[in-house]
Amino acid sequence: MYANKVKSKILANKKVFGVVFTHPFHPAIEIIAKLGFDFLHIEGEHGAWTLRDIEDTCMVANAFGLTVHARVPNIHPSTILQFLDRGVQGIMG
């Protein structure tokens, strides 16, 4: 399990900064991390994401120390679990 940078900072009463992705774009993840952002948010409700895209994005983001959150397209437990199983650390319904 990777550290949840967002949770740690919030508990320490610090600000967190992130970027919303509506479509997968892995080359930008390294840039976002180097600019000092804390998280990447996957817009799964209005964006074009496959389960493979989510998994790949989580792997790349985690390699650069970013926490990944996502908005899910519906609140069915099976959908939420599919996102969590691929490495997402926070869910918005």
Protein backbone atom coordinates (compact mmCIF):
# COMPACT_ATOMS: atom_id res chain seq x y z
CA MET A 1 0.00 0.00 0.00
CA TYR A 2 1.29 3.43 -0.94
CA ALA A 3 1.22 6.35 1.48
CA ASN A 4 -1.82 8.58 1.17
CA LYS A 5 -0.15 11.98 0.88
CA VAL A 6 -3.49 13.80 1.00
CA LYS A 7 -4.66 12.16 4.21
CA SER A 8 -1.31 12.79 5.92
CA LYS A 9 -1.31 16.47 4.99
CA ILE A 10 -4.92 17.00 6.01
CA LEU A 11 -4.25 15.39 9.39
CA ALA A 12 -1.28 17.75 9.78
CA ASN A 13 -3.58 20.70 8.96
CA LYS A 14 -1.69 21.45 5.72
CA LYS A 15 -3.05 22.40 2.31
CA VAL A 16 -3.16 19.85 -0.50
CA PHE A 17 -2.98 20.53 -4.21
CA GLY A 18 -3.97 18.34 -7.11
CA VAL A 19 -4.95 18.09 -10.74
CA VAL A 20 -8.10 16.64 -12.29
CA PHE A 21 -7.71 14.32 -15.27
CA THR A 22 -10.77 13.72 -17.45
CA HIS A 23 -8.76 11.51 -19.82
CA PRO A 24 -5.64 9.40 -19.27
CA PHE A 25 -2.45 11.27 -20.10
CA HIS A 26 0.54 9.59 -18.50
CA PRO A 27 3.26 11.97 -19.78
CA ALA A 28 1.79 14.78 -17.64
CA ILE A 29 1.96 12.80 -14.39
CA GLU A 30 5.71 13.23 -13.94
CA ILE A 31 5.42 16.97 -14.58
CA ILE A 32 2.60 17.29 -12.05
CA ALA A 33 4.66 15.46 -9.43
CA LYS A 34 7.77 17.57 -10.08
CA LEU A 35 5.70 20.74 -9.74
CA GLY A 36 4.86 19.69 -6.18
CA PHE A 37 1.25 18.57 -6.49
CA ASP A 38 -0.02 16.04 -3.96
CA PHE A 39 -2.73 14.19 -5.83
CA LEU A 40 -4.22 13.30 -9.16
CA HIS A 41 -8.00 13.09 -9.39
CA ILE A 42 -9.53 10.76 -11.99
CA GLU A 43 -12.83 12.11 -13.28
CA GLY A 44 -14.51 8.76 -13.80
CA GLU A 45 -18.03 10.12 -14.07
CA HIS A 46 -17.53 12.52 -16.98
CA GLY A 47 -14.22 11.31 -18.39
CA ALA A 48 -13.27 8.51 -20.75
CA TRP A 49 -11.59 5.87 -18.55
CA THR A 50 -11.25 2.13 -18.86
CA LEU A 51 -10.30 -0.04 -15.90
CA ARG A 52 -6.90 -0.56 -17.55
CA ASP A 53 -6.43 3.22 -17.85
CA ILE A 54 -7.20 3.62 -14.14
CA GLU A 55 -4.74 0.91 -13.17
CA ASP A 56 -1.96 2.28 -15.39
CA THR A 57 -2.53 5.83 -14.13
CA CYS A 58 -2.37 4.67 -10.50
CA MET A 59 0.89 2.80 -11.11
CA VAL A 60 2.55 5.79 -12.78
CA ALA A 61 1.21 8.28 -10.22
CA ASN A 62 2.33 6.14 -7.28
CA ALA A 63 5.81 5.81 -8.80
CA PHE A 64 6.06 9.61 -8.62
CA GLY A 65 4.61 9.88 -5.12
CA LEU A 66 1.14 11.12 -6.03
CA THR A 67 -2.03 9.95 -4.31
CA VAL A 68 -4.87 9.05 -6.69
CA HIS A 69 -8.51 9.87 -6.00
CA ALA A 70 -11.46 9.29 -8.32
CA ARG A 71 -15.06 10.21 -8.90
CA VAL A 72 -16.91 7.04 -9.80
CA PRO A 73 -19.63 6.91 -12.48
CA ASN A 74 -22.09 5.37 -10.00
CA ILE A 75 -22.15 4.39 -6.34
CA HIS A 76 -22.61 0.66 -6.79
CA PRO A 77 -20.27 -1.23 -4.46
CA SER A 78 -18.93 -3.27 -7.39
CA THR A 79 -17.93 -0.10 -9.26
CA ILE A 80 -16.24 1.39 -6.21
CA LEU A 81 -14.34 -1.85 -5.59
CA GLN A 82 -13.14 -1.93 -9.21
CA PHE A 83 -11.59 1.51 -8.74
CA LEU A 84 -10.07 0.63 -5.36
CA ASP A 85 -8.71 -2.68 -6.66
CA ARG A 86 -6.78 -0.76 -9.32
CA GLY A 87 -5.03 1.50 -6.82
CA VAL A 88 -7.32 4.49 -6.24
CA GLN A 89 -6.98 5.65 -2.62
CA GLY A 90 -9.99 7.93 -2.32
CA ILE A 91 -13.49 7.87 -3.81
CA MET A 92 -16.06 10.58 -4.55
CA GLY A 93 -19.59 9.52 -5.40
